[in-house]
Amino acid sequence: MASITGAVEVIGTHVAAALVGTFLGILLAYGFVGPLATNMEFIGEAELDYTRCIAACVIGFAGGMAPVTAVELGRRGLSSEFRPGAEEMEQMFKSLKSGK
């Protein structure tokens, strides 16, 4: 704004620089920082789900539940993307009992 009384060429240069700066700011905000923040949020939620699963298992077992029931309680807290099926859990328990 200090050069508003200057020549038309000078004003045009400053307006062009301001437009380029605005464009770059919007491009970086929506094209880089926004998706990066969303990805970091998803990673943070996944880590919290892992911790919540462990906490549910430990609290359930400490509260007097059978180990299998406590593990099932923790398994249900996971998202369907990471949750093992009931058959997978049964196979894991059988392999633990047999010592394999």
C-alpha atoms as a PDB file:
ATOM      1  CA  MET A   1       0.000   0.000   0.000  1.00  0.00           C
ATOM      2  CA  ALA A   2       3.003   2.277   0.412  1.00  0.00           C
ATOM      3  CA  SER A   3       3.554   2.314  -3.354  1.00  0.00           C
ATOM      4  CA  ILE A   4      -0.071   3.011  -4.313  1.00  0.00           C
ATOM      5  CA  THR A   5       0.872   6.492  -5.518  1.00  0.00           C
ATOM      6  CA  GLY A   6       3.684   5.140  -7.723  1.00  0.00           C
ATOM      7  CA  ALA A   7       3.728   4.331 -11.417  1.00  0.00           C
ATOM      8  CA  VAL A   8       1.287   1.833 -12.913  1.00  0.00           C
ATOM      9  CA  GLU A   9       4.112  -0.634 -13.618  1.00  0.00           C
ATOM     10  CA  VAL A  10       5.196  -0.618  -9.957  1.00  0.00           C
ATOM     11  CA  ILE A  11       1.613  -1.105  -8.744  1.00  0.00           C
ATOM     12  CA  GLY A  12       1.149  -3.957 -11.231  1.00  0.00           C
ATOM     13  CA  THR A  13       4.292  -5.679 -10.008  1.00  0.00           C
ATOM     14  CA  HIS A  14       3.166  -5.460  -6.390  1.00  0.00           C
ATOM     15  CA  VAL A  15      -0.355  -6.687  -7.193  1.00  0.00           C
ATOM     16  CA  ALA A  16       1.112  -9.607  -9.164  1.00  0.00           C
ATOM     17  CA  ALA A  17       3.385 -10.505  -6.257  1.00  0.00           C
ATOM     18  CA  ALA A  18       0.446 -10.364  -3.856  1.00  0.00           C
ATOM     19  CA  LEU A  19      -1.629 -12.642  -6.119  1.00  0.00           C
ATOM     20  CA  VAL A  20       1.201 -15.143  -6.480  1.00  0.00           C
ATOM     21  CA  GLY A  21       1.715 -15.169  -2.708  1.00  0.00           C
ATOM     22  CA  THR A  22      -1.992 -15.701  -2.130  1.00  0.00           C
ATOM     23  CA  PHE A  23      -2.097 -18.513  -4.681  1.00  0.00           C
ATOM     24  CA  LEU A  24       0.921 -20.242  -3.145  1.00  0.00           C
ATOM     25  CA  GLY A  25      -0.565 -19.922   0.326  1.00  0.00           C
ATOM     26  CA  ILE A  26      -3.861 -21.485  -0.757  1.00  0.00           C
ATOM     27  CA  LEU A  27      -2.074 -24.213  -2.724  1.00  0.00           C
ATOM     28  CA  LEU A  28       0.139 -25.160   0.221  1.00  0.00           C
ATOM     29  CA  ALA A  29      -2.740 -25.029   2.707  1.00  0.00           C
ATOM     30  CA  TYR A  30      -5.166 -27.173   0.722  1.00  0.00           C
ATOM     31  CA  GLY A  31      -2.674 -29.279  -1.222  1.00  0.00           C
ATOM     32  CA  PHE A  32      -0.065 -30.086   1.415  1.00  0.00           C
ATOM     33  CA  VAL A  33      -0.789 -29.025   4.982  1.00  0.00           C
ATOM     34  CA  GLY A  34      -4.456 -30.087   4.999  1.00  0.00           C
ATOM     35  CA  PRO A  35      -3.873 -33.657   3.760  1.00  0.00           C
ATOM     36  CA  LEU A  36      -0.825 -33.989   6.013  1.00  0.00           C
ATOM     37  CA  ALA A  37      -2.850 -32.968   9.063  1.00  0.00           C
ATOM     38  CA  THR A  38      -5.648 -35.385   8.138  1.00  0.00           C
ATOM     39  CA  ASN A  39      -3.167 -38.241   7.737  1.00  0.00           C
ATOM     40  CA  MET A  40      -1.577 -37.429  11.089  1.00  0.00           C
ATOM     41  CA  GLU A  41      -5.033 -37.456  12.671  1.00  0.00           C
ATOM     42  CA  PHE A  42      -5.743 -40.935  11.270  1.00  0.00           C
ATOM     43  CA  ILE A  43      -2.389 -42.224  12.530  1.00  0.00           C
ATOM     44  CA  GLY A  44      -3.052 -40.763  15.975  1.00  0.00           C
ATOM     45  CA  GLU A  45      -6.501 -42.376  16.129  1.00  0.00           C
ATOM     46  CA  ALA A  46      -5.041 -45.751  15.137  1.00  0.00           C
ATOM     47  CA  GLU A  47      -2.452 -45.511  17.904  1.00  0.00           C
ATOM     48  CA  LEU A  48      -5.160 -44.588  20.413  1.00  0.00           C
ATOM     49  CA  ASP A  49      -7.259 -47.572  19.306  1.00  0.00           C
ATOM     50  CA  TYR A  50      -4.287 -49.855  19.955  1.00  0.00           C
ATOM     51  CA  THR A  51      -3.804 -48.407  23.440  1.00  0.00           C
ATOM     52  CA  ARG A  52      -7.536 -48.560  24.210  1.00  0.00           C
ATOM     53  CA  CYS A  53      -7.611 -52.221  23.175  1.00  0.00           C
ATOM     54  CA  ILE A  54      -4.786 -53.086  25.552  1.00  0.00           C
ATOM     55  CA  ALA A  55      -6.382 -51.030  28.342  1.00  0.00           C
ATOM     56  CA  ALA A  56      -9.758 -52.763  27.888  1.00  0.00           C
ATOM     57  CA  CYS A  57      -8.104 -56.190  28.055  1.00  0.00           C
ATOM     58  CA  VAL A  58      -6.108 -55.359  31.181  1.00  0.00           C
ATOM     59  CA  ILE A  59      -9.044 -53.682  32.947  1.00  0.00           C
ATOM     60  CA  GLY A  60     -11.349 -56.573  32.097  1.00  0.00           C
ATOM     61  CA  PHE A  61      -8.870 -59.147  33.371  1.00  0.00           C
ATOM     62  CA  ALA A  62      -8.145 -57.115  36.514  1.00  0.00           C
ATOM     63  CA  GLY A  63     -11.892 -56.847  37.086  1.00  0.00           C
ATOM     64  CA  GLY A  64     -12.214 -60.619  37.319  1.00  0.00           C
ATOM     65  CA  MET A  65     -13.094 -61.599  33.751  1.00  0.00           C
ATOM     66  CA  ALA A  66     -11.742 -64.774  32.248  1.00  0.00           C
ATOM     67  CA  PRO A  67      -8.732 -64.113  29.989  1.00  0.00           C
ATOM     68  CA  VAL A  68     -10.634 -65.116  26.844  1.00  0.00           C
ATOM     69  CA  THR A  69     -13.515 -62.803  27.743  1.00  0.00           C
ATOM     70  CA  ALA A  70     -11.138 -59.915  28.490  1.00  0.00           C
ATOM     71  CA  VAL A  71      -9.421 -60.380  25.122  1.00  0.00           C
ATOM     72  CA  GLU A  72     -12.804 -60.462  23.389  1.00  0.00           C
ATOM     73  CA  LEU A  73     -13.724 -57.202  25.126  1.00  0.00           C
ATOM     74  CA  GLY A  74     -10.545 -55.576  23.838  1.00  0.00           C
ATOM     75  CA  ARG A  75     -10.998 -57.036  20.349  1.00  0.00           C
ATOM     76  CA  ARG A  76     -14.435 -55.476  20.035  1.00  0.00           C
ATOM     77  CA  GLY A  77     -12.936 -52.049  20.673  1.00  0.00           C
ATOM     78  CA  LEU A  78     -10.822 -52.238  17.514  1.00  0.00           C
ATOM     79  CA  SER A  79     -12.023 -50.898  14.198  1.00  0.00           C
ATOM     80  CA  SER A  80     -13.235 -53.497  11.725  1.00  0.00           C
ATOM     81  CA  GLU A  81     -10.174 -52.829   9.581  1.00  0.00           C
ATOM     82  CA  PHE A  82      -7.801 -54.220  12.242  1.00  0.00           C
ATOM     83  CA  ARG A  83     -10.114 -56.514  14.231  1.00  0.00           C
ATOM     84  CA  PRO A  84      -9.229 -60.197  13.966  1.00  0.00           C
ATOM     85  CA  GLY A  85     -12.128 -62.515  13.355  1.00  0.00           C
ATOM     86  CA  ALA A  86     -13.478 -64.965  15.905  1.00  0.00           C
ATOM     87  CA  GLU A  87     -11.936 -67.875  13.976  1.00  0.00           C
ATOM     88  CA  GLU A  88      -8.516 -66.209  13.979  1.00  0.00           C
ATOM     89  CA  MET A  89      -8.769 -65.625  17.712  1.00  0.00           C
ATOM     90  CA  GLU A  90      -9.741 -69.252  18.294  1.00  0.00           C
ATOM     91  CA  GLN A  91      -6.728 -70.443  16.278  1.00  0.00           C
ATOM     92  CA  MET A  92      -4.426 -68.130  18.253  1.00  0.00           C
ATOM     93  CA  PHE A  93      -5.754 -69.476  21.539  1.00  0.00           C
ATOM     94  CA  LYS A  94      -5.351 -73.078  20.378  1.00  0.00           C
ATOM     95  CA  SER A  95      -1.774 -72.433  19.265  1.00  0.00           C
ATOM     96  CA  LEU A  96      -1.001 -70.834  22.631  1.00  0.00           C
ATOM     97  CA  LYS A  97      -2.430 -73.809  24.502  1.00  0.00           C
ATOM     98  CA  SER A  98      -0.488 -76.310  22.400  1.00  0.00           C
ATOM     99  CA  GLY A  99       2.746 -74.331  22.789  1.00  0.00           C
ATOM    100  CA  LYS A 100       3.422 -73.775  19.093  1.00  0.00           C
END
